[in-house]
Structure formats: structure tokens, C-alpha cells
Amino acid sequence: MWQKGGTIDAFEAKWNPKRRASLPKSFLEAYPGTVHQVISTENYMNFLL
């Protein structure tokens, strides 16, 4: 989880990019407006650079 400029970004890592990714309902209720991003073997370089 990363907070910057008043927004929260949540990151989920998946080895298999075809797997479904989602945040728990309780997390979304506690942190409304969260931006959810999935990091996988197909896009991890975008997060490193």
C-alpha cells in the first residue's frame, strides 16, 4: 500500500497474470477511493522503472 497526495494505491502481485485479482470488501470499505493495481510478470518492469 502506498499513500501519496491524499490517495491510497494498493498493489497486488500475481505470478500468473490470468489469475483474478481483487481487494477484500472490508479493505475497500475501510479505504474508499483506493486505486488498485496488479503487478504481474507481464508488467512488472513498468513499476521498476
PDB file of N, CA and C in Angstrom:
ATOM      1  N   MET A   1       0.849  -1.161   0.000  1.00  0.00           N
ATOM      2  CA  MET A   1       0.000   0.000   0.000  1.00  0.00           C
ATOM      3  C   MET A   1       0.897   1.226   0.000  1.00  0.00           C
ATOM      4  N   TRP A   2       0.497   2.231  -0.745  1.00  0.00           N
ATOM      5  CA  TRP A   2       1.291   3.446  -0.889  1.00  0.00           C
ATOM      6  C   TRP A   2       0.350   4.632  -0.793  1.00  0.00           C
ATOM      7  N   GLN A   3       0.693   5.643  -0.024  1.00  0.00           N
ATOM      8  CA  GLN A   3      -0.137   6.833   0.092  1.00  0.00           C
ATOM      9  C   GLN A   3       0.659   8.020  -0.412  1.00  0.00           C
ATOM     10  N   LYS A   4       0.024   8.770  -1.332  1.00  0.00           N
ATOM     11  CA  LYS A   4       0.693   9.935  -1.894  1.00  0.00           C
ATOM     12  C   LYS A   4      -0.378  10.937  -2.310  1.00  0.00           C
ATOM     13  N   GLY A   5      -0.252  12.147  -1.858  1.00  0.00           N
ATOM     14  CA  GLY A   5      -1.188  13.189  -2.252  1.00  0.00           C
ATOM     15  C   GLY A   5      -2.621  12.943  -1.810  1.00  0.00           C
ATOM     16  N   GLY A   6      -2.812  12.252  -0.704  1.00  0.00           N
ATOM     17  CA  GLY A   6      -4.145  12.024  -0.180  1.00  0.00           C
ATOM     18  C   GLY A   6      -4.877  10.831  -0.767  1.00  0.00           C
ATOM     19  N   THR A   7      -4.273  10.117  -1.703  1.00  0.00           N
ATOM     20  CA  THR A   7      -4.894   8.913  -2.250  1.00  0.00           C
ATOM     21  C   THR A   7      -4.074   7.695  -1.834  1.00  0.00           C
ATOM     22  N   ILE A   8      -4.741   6.565  -1.812  1.00  0.00           N
ATOM     23  CA  ILE A   8      -4.069   5.317  -1.454  1.00  0.00           C
ATOM     24  C   ILE A   8      -4.017   4.421  -2.678  1.00  0.00           C
ATOM     25  N   ASP A   9      -2.843   3.931  -2.987  1.00  0.00           N
ATOM     26  CA  ASP A   9      -2.653   2.960  -4.065  1.00  0.00           C
ATOM     27  C   ASP A   9      -2.370   1.605  -3.435  1.00  0.00           C
ATOM     28  N   ALA A  10      -3.144   0.609  -3.823  1.00  0.00           N
ATOM     29  CA  ALA A  10      -2.933  -0.756  -3.338  1.00  0.00           C
ATOM     30  C   ALA A  10      -2.382  -1.582  -4.485  1.00  0.00           C
ATOM     31  N   PHE A  11      -1.347  -2.360  -4.211  1.00  0.00           N
ATOM     32  CA  PHE A  11      -0.712  -3.186  -5.227  1.00  0.00           C
ATOM     33  C   PHE A  11      -0.881  -4.653  -4.867  1.00  0.00           C
ATOM     34  N   GLU A  12      -1.177  -5.449  -5.874  1.00  0.00           N
ATOM     35  CA  GLU A  12      -1.316  -6.886  -5.688  1.00  0.00           C
ATOM     36  C   GLU A  12      -0.411  -7.568  -6.708  1.00  0.00           C
ATOM     37  N   ALA A  13       0.429  -8.458  -6.244  1.00  0.00           N
ATOM     38  CA  ALA A  13       1.354  -9.168  -7.131  1.00  0.00           C
ATOM     39  C   ALA A  13       0.782 -10.540  -7.485  1.00  0.00           C
ATOM     40  N   LYS A  14       0.790 -10.843  -8.769  1.00  0.00           N
ATOM     41  CA  LYS A  14       0.318 -12.134  -9.267  1.00  0.00           C
ATOM     42  C   LYS A  14       1.369 -12.693 -10.215  1.00  0.00           C
ATOM     43  N   TRP A  15       1.794 -13.914  -9.974  1.00  0.00           N
ATOM     44  CA  TRP A  15       2.737 -14.555 -10.867  1.00  0.00           C
ATOM     45  C   TRP A  15       2.063 -14.844 -12.211  1.00  0.00           C
ATOM     46  N   ASN A  16       0.841 -15.351 -12.154  1.00  0.00           N
ATOM     47  CA  ASN A  16       0.078 -15.661 -13.355  1.00  0.00           C
ATOM     48  C   ASN A  16      -0.864 -14.486 -13.644  1.00  0.00           C
ATOM     49  N   PRO A  17      -0.635 -13.722 -14.713  1.00  0.00           N
ATOM     50  CA  PRO A  17      -1.457 -12.538 -14.989  1.00  0.00           C
ATOM     51  C   PRO A  17      -2.912 -12.872 -15.313  1.00  0.00           C
ATOM     52  N   LYS A  18      -3.228 -14.123 -15.578  1.00  0.00           N
ATOM     53  CA  LYS A  18      -4.599 -14.502 -15.898  1.00  0.00           C
ATOM     54  C   LYS A  18      -5.432 -14.770 -14.643  1.00  0.00           C
ATOM     55  N   ARG A  19      -4.783 -14.818 -13.487  1.00  0.00           N
ATOM     56  CA  ARG A  19      -5.496 -15.039 -12.227  1.00  0.00           C
ATOM     57  C   ARG A  19      -6.290 -13.786 -11.866  1.00  0.00           C
ATOM     58  N   ARG A  20      -7.448 -13.989 -11.284  1.00  0.00           N
ATOM     59  CA  ARG A  20      -8.303 -12.881 -10.890  1.00  0.00           C
ATOM     60  C   ARG A  20      -7.689 -12.170  -9.683  1.00  0.00           C
ATOM     61  N   ALA A  21      -7.713 -10.868  -9.724  1.00  0.00           N
ATOM     62  CA  ALA A  21      -7.178 -10.067  -8.627  1.00  0.00           C
ATOM     63  C   ALA A  21      -8.277  -9.144  -8.109  1.00  0.00           C
ATOM     64  N   SER A  22      -8.394  -9.059  -6.793  1.00  0.00           N
ATOM     65  CA  SER A  22      -9.381  -8.158  -6.198  1.00  0.00           C
ATOM     66  C   SER A  22      -9.005  -7.868  -4.753  1.00  0.00           C
ATOM     67  N   LEU A  23      -9.506  -6.752  -4.275  1.00  0.00           N
ATOM     68  CA  LEU A  23      -9.285  -6.380  -2.889  1.00  0.00           C
ATOM     69  C   LEU A  23     -10.465  -6.865  -2.052  1.00  0.00           C
ATOM     70  N   PRO A  24     -10.215  -7.248  -0.802  1.00  0.00           N
ATOM     71  CA  PRO A  24     -11.311  -7.660   0.071  1.00  0.00           C
ATOM     72  C   PRO A  24     -12.307  -6.520   0.294  1.00  0.00           C
ATOM     73  N   LYS A  25     -13.564  -6.865   0.433  1.00  0.00           N
ATOM     74  CA  LYS A  25     -14.618  -5.874   0.640  1.00  0.00           C
ATOM     75  C   LYS A  25     -14.335  -5.023   1.874  1.00  0.00           C
ATOM     76  N   SER A  26     -13.836  -5.636   2.941  1.00  0.00           N
ATOM     77  CA  SER A  26     -13.551  -4.894   4.171  1.00  0.00           C
ATOM     78  C   SER A  26     -12.458  -3.840   3.947  1.00  0.00           C
ATOM     79  N   PHE A  27     -11.477  -4.152   3.096  1.00  0.00           N
ATOM     80  CA  PHE A  27     -10.420  -3.190   2.780  1.00  0.00           C
ATOM     81  C   PHE A  27     -11.007  -2.004   2.022  1.00  0.00           C
ATOM     82  N   LEU A  28     -11.852  -2.286   1.032  1.00  0.00           N
ATOM     83  CA  LEU A  28     -12.456  -1.211   0.244  1.00  0.00           C
ATOM     84  C   LEU A  28     -13.375  -0.337   1.091  1.00  0.00           C
ATOM     85  N   GLU A  29     -14.047  -0.932   2.062  1.00  0.00           N
ATOM     86  CA  GLU A  29     -14.902  -0.150   2.958  1.00  0.00           C
ATOM     87  C   GLU A  29     -14.066   0.729   3.882  1.00  0.00           C
ATOM     88  N   ALA A  30     -12.941   0.225   4.340  1.00  0.00           N
ATOM     89  CA  ALA A  30     -12.071   0.987   5.242  1.00  0.00           C
ATOM     90  C   ALA A  30     -11.304   2.088   4.516  1.00  0.00           C
ATOM     91  N   TYR A  31     -10.994   1.850   3.240  1.00  0.00           N
ATOM     92  CA  TYR A  31     -10.211   2.806   2.445  1.00  0.00           C
ATOM     93  C   TYR A  31     -10.922   3.093   1.129  1.00  0.00           C
ATOM     94  N   PRO A  32     -12.027   3.841   1.170  1.00  0.00           N
ATOM     95  CA  PRO A  32     -12.758   4.132  -0.074  1.00  0.00           C
ATOM     96  C   PRO A  32     -11.916   4.982  -1.026  1.00  0.00           C
ATOM     97  N   GLY A  33     -12.118   4.779  -2.310  1.00  0.00           N
ATOM     98  CA  GLY A  33     -11.380   5.539  -3.319  1.00  0.00           C
ATOM     99  C   GLY A  33      -9.982   5.015  -3.583  1.00  0.00           C
ATOM    100  N   THR A  34      -9.663   3.840  -3.077  1.00  0.00           N
ATOM    101  CA  THR A  34      -8.349   3.249  -3.277  1.00  0.00           C
ATOM    102  C   THR A  34      -8.146   2.859  -4.742  1.00  0.00           C
ATOM    103  N   VAL A  35      -6.969   3.158  -5.261  1.00  0.00           N
ATOM    104  CA  VAL A  35      -6.605   2.738  -6.613  1.00  0.00           C
ATOM    105  C   VAL A  35      -5.921   1.376  -6.488  1.00  0.00           C
ATOM    106  N   HIS A  36      -6.440   0.380  -7.197  1.00  0.00           N
ATOM    107  CA  HIS A  36      -5.928  -0.990  -7.121  1.00  0.00           C
ATOM    108  C   HIS A  36      -5.177  -1.310  -8.410  1.00  0.00           C
ATOM    109  N   GLN A  37      -3.926  -1.711  -8.272  1.00  0.00           N
ATOM    110  CA  GLN A  37      -3.113  -2.071  -9.426  1.00  0.00           C
ATOM    111  C   GLN A  37      -2.537  -3.467  -9.225  1.00  0.00           C
ATOM    112  N   VAL A  38      -2.520  -4.230 -10.312  1.00  0.00           N
ATOM    113  CA  VAL A  38      -1.993  -5.587 -10.264  1.00  0.00           C
ATOM    114  C   VAL A  38      -0.631  -5.605 -10.945  1.00  0.00           C
ATOM    115  N   ILE A  39       0.348  -6.160 -10.260  1.00  0.00           N
ATOM    116  CA  ILE A  39       1.697  -6.313 -10.813  1.00  0.00           C
ATOM    117  C   ILE A  39       1.859  -7.787 -11.177  1.00  0.00           C
ATOM    118  N   SER A  40       2.258  -8.035 -12.420  1.00  0.00           N
ATOM    119  CA  SER A  40       2.419  -9.413 -12.886  1.00  0.00           C
ATOM    120  C   SER A  40       3.717  -9.545 -13.675  1.00  0.00           C
ATOM    121  N   THR A  41       3.954 -10.743 -14.158  1.00  0.00           N
ATOM    122  CA  THR A  41       5.154 -10.985 -14.963  1.00  0.00           C
ATOM    123  C   THR A  41       5.113 -10.207 -16.268  1.00  0.00           C
ATOM    124  N   GLU A  42       3.947  -9.764 -16.682  1.00  0.00           N
ATOM    125  CA  GLU A  42       3.821  -9.014 -17.935  1.00  0.00           C
ATOM    126  C   GLU A  42       4.079  -7.517 -17.775  1.00  0.00           C
ATOM    127  N   ASN A  43       3.896  -6.966 -16.573  1.00  0.00           N
ATOM    128  CA  ASN A  43       4.009  -5.511 -16.429  1.00  0.00           C
ATOM    129  C   ASN A  43       4.937  -5.043 -15.300  1.00  0.00           C
ATOM    130  N   TYR A  44       5.664  -5.938 -14.675  1.00  0.00           N
ATOM    131  CA  TYR A  44       6.468  -5.556 -13.511  1.00  0.00           C
ATOM    132  C   TYR A  44       7.542  -4.524 -13.840  1.00  0.00           C
ATOM    133  N   MET A  45       8.053  -4.536 -15.049  1.00  0.00           N
ATOM    134  CA  MET A  45       9.097  -3.564 -15.412  1.00  0.00           C
ATOM    135  C   MET A  45       8.570  -2.123 -15.371  1.00  0.00           C
ATOM    136  N   ASN A  46       7.296  -1.918 -15.650  1.00  0.00           N
ATOM    137  CA  ASN A  46       6.701  -0.571 -15.567  1.00  0.00           C
ATOM    138  C   ASN A  46       6.772  -0.020 -14.157  1.00  0.00           C
ATOM    139  N   PHE A  47       6.711  -0.894 -13.160  1.00  0.00           N
ATOM    140  CA  PHE A  47       6.766  -0.460 -11.774  1.00  0.00           C
ATOM    141  C   PHE A  47       8.200  -0.256 -11.292  1.00  0.00           C
ATOM    142  N   LEU A  48       9.149  -0.915 -11.935  1.00  0.00           N
ATOM    143  CA  LEU A  48      10.548  -0.790 -11.534  1.00  0.00           C
ATOM    144  C   LEU A  48      11.229   0.422 -12.136  1.00  0.00           C
ATOM    145  N   LEU A  49      10.782   0.830 -13.295  1.00  0.00           N
ATOM    146  CA  LEU A  49      11.437   1.956 -13.986  1.00  0.00           C
ATOM    147  C   LEU A  49      10.842   3.287 -13.632  1.00  0.00           C
TER     148      LEU A  49
END
